[in-house]
Amino acid sequence: MKAVVTVVGKDSMGIIAKVSTACADVGANIEDITQSVLKEYFAMVMVVEIDKLNVPFTELVDRLEKLGAENNLEIRTMHEDIFNSMHRV
């Protein structure tokens, strides 16, 4: 299974490192990542593999949300089933 992680906020050094470390700490493997900086704003979308998490999925969601709050970022994590249902035509 996969999840989609989005990160948005003011650009600062180390955002990718912090988010990827948080994912690795719980066993989420980054499969794809794209990021851009628009003037001073940072935006990133990651697809992470969550089959081998060492915590419940909800804890990953909470950890990333907390990381976002601590770094003035908005971090949202959505299970691929929900993502696919929302974007079905």
Protein backbone atom coordinates (compact mmCIF):
# COMPACT_ATOMS: atom_id res chain seq x y z
CA MET A 1 0.00 0.00 0.00
CA LYS A 2 1.02 3.57 -0.56
CA ALA A 3 0.30 7.01 0.83
CA VAL A 4 0.56 10.49 -0.66
CA VAL A 5 2.32 13.09 1.49
CA THR A 6 2.07 16.79 0.66
CA VAL A 7 4.18 19.50 2.27
CA VAL A 8 3.58 23.23 1.79
CA GLY A 9 5.07 26.24 3.53
CA LYS A 10 7.78 28.88 3.56
CA ASP A 11 11.04 27.51 2.22
CA SER A 12 13.79 26.75 4.71
CA MET A 13 16.84 24.55 4.80
CA GLY A 14 16.30 20.88 5.66
CA ILE A 15 12.60 20.35 4.92
CA ILE A 16 13.16 17.32 2.72
CA ALA A 17 15.64 15.86 5.20
CA LYS A 18 13.24 16.26 8.13
CA VAL A 19 10.27 14.73 6.32
CA SER A 20 12.27 11.85 4.83
CA THR A 21 13.84 11.10 8.23
CA ALA A 22 10.39 11.01 9.86
CA CYS A 23 9.23 8.57 7.18
CA ALA A 24 12.30 6.35 7.55
CA ASP A 25 11.92 6.28 11.34
CA VAL A 26 8.58 4.47 11.00
CA GLY A 27 9.49 2.27 8.02
CA ALA A 28 7.84 4.29 5.24
CA ASN A 29 9.89 4.10 2.04
CA ILE A 30 9.82 7.05 -0.35
CA GLU A 31 9.06 5.76 -3.85
CA ASP A 32 8.70 9.06 -5.69
CA ILE A 33 9.18 12.68 -4.79
CA THR A 34 8.79 16.03 -6.48
CA GLN A 35 9.43 19.42 -4.98
CA SER A 36 9.64 22.99 -6.07
CA VAL A 37 10.29 26.40 -4.63
CA LEU A 38 8.09 29.24 -5.91
CA LYS A 39 9.67 32.48 -4.74
CA GLU A 40 9.86 31.83 -0.98
CA TYR A 41 7.26 29.04 -0.91
CA PHE A 42 8.12 25.33 -0.77
CA ALA A 43 5.85 22.60 -2.16
CA MET A 44 6.50 18.86 -2.17
CA VAL A 45 4.53 15.73 -3.01
CA MET A 46 5.82 12.28 -2.08
CA VAL A 47 4.50 8.79 -2.69
CA VAL A 48 5.57 6.49 0.14
CA GLU A 49 5.30 2.73 0.51
CA ILE A 50 3.60 1.93 3.83
CA ASP A 51 3.47 -1.89 3.81
CA LYS A 52 6.37 -2.19 6.27
CA LEU A 53 5.43 0.51 8.77
CA ASN A 54 6.53 -0.26 12.33
CA VAL A 55 3.70 1.90 13.71
CA PRO A 56 0.01 2.19 12.78
CA PHE A 57 -0.69 4.38 9.72
CA THR A 58 -2.50 6.88 11.93
CA GLU A 59 0.69 7.40 13.92
CA LEU A 60 2.61 8.23 10.73
CA VAL A 61 -0.10 10.77 9.90
CA ASP A 62 0.12 12.29 13.39
CA ARG A 63 3.93 12.40 13.43
CA LEU A 64 4.11 14.17 10.09
CA GLU A 65 1.37 16.62 11.07
CA LYS A 66 3.26 17.40 14.30
CA LEU A 67 6.51 17.83 12.37
CA GLY A 68 4.70 20.29 10.13
CA ALA A 69 3.36 22.28 13.07
CA GLU A 70 6.83 22.44 14.62
CA ASN A 71 8.31 23.78 11.38
CA ASN A 72 5.51 26.10 10.21
CA LEU A 73 4.56 23.72 7.39
CA GLU A 74 1.33 22.08 6.41
CA ILE A 75 1.93 18.34 6.03
CA ARG A 76 -0.95 16.13 4.94
CA THR A 77 -0.79 12.36 4.55
CA MET A 78 -3.48 10.48 2.66
CA HIS A 79 -3.79 6.72 2.20
CA GLU A 80 -3.82 5.80 -1.49
CA ASP A 81 -7.31 4.25 -1.21
CA ILE A 82 -8.74 7.61 -0.10
CA PHE A 83 -6.66 9.50 -2.68
CA ASN A 84 -7.85 7.22 -5.49
CA SER A 85 -11.49 7.47 -4.38
CA MET A 86 -11.33 11.27 -4.30
CA HIS A 87 -9.82 11.47 -7.78
CA ARG A 88 -11.90 8.89 -9.57
CA VAL A 89 -13.73 10.23 -12.63
